[in-house]
Protein backbone atom coordinates (compact mmCIF):
# COMPACT_ATOMS: atom_id res chain seq x y z
CA MET A 1 16.44 -12.08 3.30
CA LYS A 2 17.05 -11.88 0.34
CA GLY A 3 14.86 -9.02 -1.28
CA LEU A 4 13.23 -7.84 1.63
CA ASP A 5 16.37 -5.04 2.22
CA GLN A 6 14.81 -2.05 1.11
CA LEU A 7 11.72 -2.98 3.53
CA TRP A 8 13.74 -2.74 7.01
CA PRO A 9 14.81 0.99 6.98
CA LYS A 10 10.44 1.76 5.59
CA VAL A 11 9.05 -0.41 8.88
CA PRO A 12 9.66 1.35 12.14
CA GLY A 13 6.71 2.61 13.94
CA LYS A 14 4.30 1.00 11.44
CA ARG A 15 2.48 -1.64 11.41
CA VAL A 16 2.23 -4.77 9.27
CA LEU A 17 0.06 -7.25 8.06
CA ASP A 18 2.76 -10.08 6.86
CA LEU A 19 -0.27 -12.76 4.79
CA GLY A 20 1.10 -16.01 4.21
CA CYS A 21 3.92 -15.12 7.91
CA ALA A 22 4.70 -19.27 7.59
CA GLU A 23 6.26 -19.08 10.78
CA GLY A 24 6.54 -15.50 11.33
CA LEU A 25 9.88 -15.08 10.63
CA ILE A 26 10.11 -11.99 8.54
CA SER A 27 7.02 -10.62 11.52
CA ALA A 28 9.36 -11.54 13.48
CA GLN A 29 12.14 -9.18 11.65
CA CYS A 30 9.62 -6.40 10.98
CA LEU A 31 9.91 -6.35 14.74
CA ILE A 32 13.44 -6.06 15.47
CA HIS A 33 13.67 -3.63 12.43
CA GLY A 34 11.33 -1.96 14.96
CA ALA A 35 7.61 -1.96 13.44
CA GLU A 36 4.89 -1.59 15.83
CA PHE A 37 2.79 -3.70 15.55
CA VAL A 38 2.82 -7.15 13.00
CA THR A 39 -0.12 -9.28 13.14
CA GLY A 40 0.85 -12.14 11.01
CA ALA A 41 -2.01 -14.78 9.09
CA GLU A 42 -1.60 -18.09 7.54
CA LEU A 43 -3.17 -21.19 6.39
CA VAL A 44 -1.66 -23.65 8.00
CA LYS A 45 -2.21 -24.57 11.46
CA GLY A 46 0.74 -25.57 12.87
CA HIS A 47 3.23 -22.82 11.27
CA VAL A 48 0.82 -20.42 13.31
CA ASP A 49 2.08 -22.59 16.58
CA VAL A 50 5.83 -22.22 15.96
CA ALA A 51 5.35 -18.39 14.61
CA ARG A 52 3.55 -17.87 17.93
CA ARG A 53 5.95 -19.57 20.08
CA LEU A 54 9.39 -17.85 18.13
CA VAL A 55 7.71 -14.52 18.00
CA VAL A 56 7.22 -14.12 21.90
CA ASP A 57 6.71 -10.22 21.91
CA ASP A 58 2.98 -8.06 22.37
CA ARG A 59 3.44 -5.93 19.80
CA SER A 60 2.18 -9.39 17.40
CA ALA A 61 -0.31 -11.02 16.33
CA PHE A 62 -0.90 -14.76 14.40
CA LEU A 63 -3.99 -16.02 13.25
CA HIS A 64 -4.84 -19.18 11.52
CA CYS A 65 -6.55 -18.08 8.58
CA ASP A 66 -7.57 -19.33 5.06
CA LEU A 67 -7.03 -16.77 2.29
CA ASN A 68 -8.92 -18.42 -0.28
CA ASP A 69 -11.59 -17.69 1.68
CA MET A 70 -13.72 -13.87 1.17
CA ASN A 71 -15.36 -14.04 4.18
CA GLN A 72 -12.31 -14.62 6.70
CA VAL A 73 -10.22 -12.31 4.70
CA THR A 74 -12.96 -9.90 5.41
CA ALA A 75 -13.17 -10.60 7.93
CA LEU A 76 -8.68 -10.10 8.68
CA ALA A 77 -9.01 -6.47 6.27
CA ASN A 78 -11.37 -5.09 9.37
CA VAL A 79 -8.90 -6.17 12.21
CA THR A 80 -7.45 -3.50 13.85
CA PRO A 81 -5.00 -1.47 14.45
CA LYS A 82 -5.09 -0.09 10.64
CA HIS A 83 -2.33 -1.30 8.73
CA THR A 84 0.19 0.58 6.91
CA ILE A 85 2.07 -2.09 5.82
CA VAL A 86 1.30 -4.93 3.76
CA LEU A 87 3.40 -7.50 3.33
CA MET A 88 2.26 -10.63 -0.20
CA LEU A 89 5.29 -12.60 -0.11
CA ALA A 90 5.19 -15.64 -1.98
CA ILE A 91 1.67 -16.12 -1.31
CA LEU A 92 -0.74 -15.05 -4.14
CA HIS A 93 -0.06 -17.58 -6.84
CA LYS A 94 -0.81 -20.04 -4.99
CA LEU A 95 -4.82 -18.87 -4.36
CA GLN A 96 -7.38 -19.64 -6.17
CA ARG A 97 -8.69 -16.22 -6.78
CA PRO A 98 -5.53 -14.03 -6.02
CA ASP A 99 -7.08 -10.86 -7.62
CA LEU A 100 -9.09 -10.66 -4.73
CA LEU A 101 -7.28 -11.29 -1.64
CA VAL A 102 -5.41 -7.92 -3.16
CA ARG A 103 -9.30 -6.12 -4.02
CA GLU A 104 -10.34 -6.75 -0.26
CA ILE A 105 -6.51 -6.02 1.43
CA VAL A 106 -6.12 -2.63 -0.11
CA LEU A 107 -9.54 -1.33 -0.43
CA ARG A 108 -10.12 -1.67 3.17
CA ARG A 109 -6.77 -0.99 4.82
CA ARG A 110 -5.53 0.98 1.45
CA PRO A 111 -1.98 0.29 3.14
CA GLU A 112 0.79 3.07 2.77
CA LEU A 113 3.27 0.07 1.31
CA ILE A 114 2.47 -3.77 -0.57
CA VAL A 115 5.12 -5.26 -0.99
CA LEU A 116 4.68 -8.56 -3.50
CA ARG A 117 7.39 -11.66 -3.82
CA THR A 118 5.97 -13.61 -6.79
CA PRO A 119 8.09 -16.69 -9.06
CA GLU A 120 10.60 -15.66 -11.12
CA SER A 121 8.96 -16.53 -14.38
CA THR A 122 6.58 -13.62 -14.26
CA PRO A 123 7.49 -11.13 -12.59
CA GLY A 124 4.42 -9.07 -11.80
CA TYR A 125 2.74 -11.87 -12.92
CA VAL A 126 0.63 -14.91 -11.63
CA ARG A 127 0.21 -17.93 -12.91
CA ASP A 128 -0.67 -22.05 -11.13
CA GLU A 129 -2.21 -24.40 -10.24
CA ARG A 130 -3.53 -23.22 -7.56
CA SER A 131 -5.73 -21.04 -8.97
CA GLY A 132 -6.49 -22.61 -12.13
CA MET A 133 -4.04 -20.91 -14.52
CA ARG A 134 -5.94 -17.85 -14.89
CA LEU A 135 -3.14 -14.92 -15.50
CA PHE A 136 -3.16 -12.77 -13.07
CA ASP A 137 -0.82 -9.06 -13.81
CA THR A 138 -0.30 -7.92 -9.75
CA THR A 139 1.34 -4.83 -10.80
CA ALA A 140 -1.67 -4.10 -13.11
CA GLN A 141 -4.27 -4.59 -10.44
CA LEU A 142 -2.25 -2.71 -7.57
CA TRP A 143 -2.69 0.77 -10.35
CA ASP A 144 -6.06 0.40 -10.95
CA LEU A 145 -6.06 0.18 -7.33
CA GLY A 146 -4.25 3.54 -7.29
CA TYR A 147 -0.91 1.53 -6.62
CA LYS A 148 2.38 2.41 -8.66
CA VAL A 149 5.36 0.15 -8.27
CA ASP A 150 7.86 2.19 -6.59
CA SER A 151 10.81 -0.13 -6.43
CA THR A 152 11.74 -3.44 -7.35
CA ALA A 153 14.48 -6.54 -6.11
CA THR A 154 15.97 -10.27 -6.96
CA GLY A 155 14.05 -12.46 -3.87
CA HIS A 156 15.73 -16.09 -2.77
CA PHE A 157 15.40 -18.55 -5.50
CA GLU A 158 15.23 -15.64 -7.80
CA GLU A 159 11.51 -14.45 -7.17
CA HIS A 160 11.02 -10.96 -8.51
CA VAL A 161 9.98 -8.36 -4.75
CA SER A 162 8.16 -5.21 -5.67
CA TYR A 163 7.86 -2.65 -3.69
CA PHE A 164 4.26 -0.16 -4.27
CA VAL A 165 3.04 3.10 -2.79
CA ARG A 166 0.32 4.84 -3.49
CA ARG A 167 0.43 7.39 -5.58
CA ASP A 168 -1.49 9.81 -4.47
């Protein structure tokens, strides 16, 4: 899983929230690398069903969730246990208002680490037809929320992977 090499040493003993988890393969890798608990959230119900079948572990939960629905996002942000790592891998550009998702999750969870994967054409930025072609600067928003870039990497399809840590 290209671009996530820096993640695996950080997950032992941590609680991971994997937004847009698809079939749960990265969530499963987090468990293999020692995560205490993983919660995956995915829009496609069929993907959630596959994740539940593939990742049979009492340290995981997979939820059907529309990340465009702020009521569902707020409920997800309030779920326990509190997550210390949040993954948003190739998901933000697919949302109508990625800024609202980031703000809600970050302010309610205050994770130690946030990992984003964004399209290579605009590293650190999100602009997509699904978000009305509004430019969303992930780095600036996370800075405003108290986070800084810790490191970057190149993911599959030359996507940009950014690791953000709290500034405090």
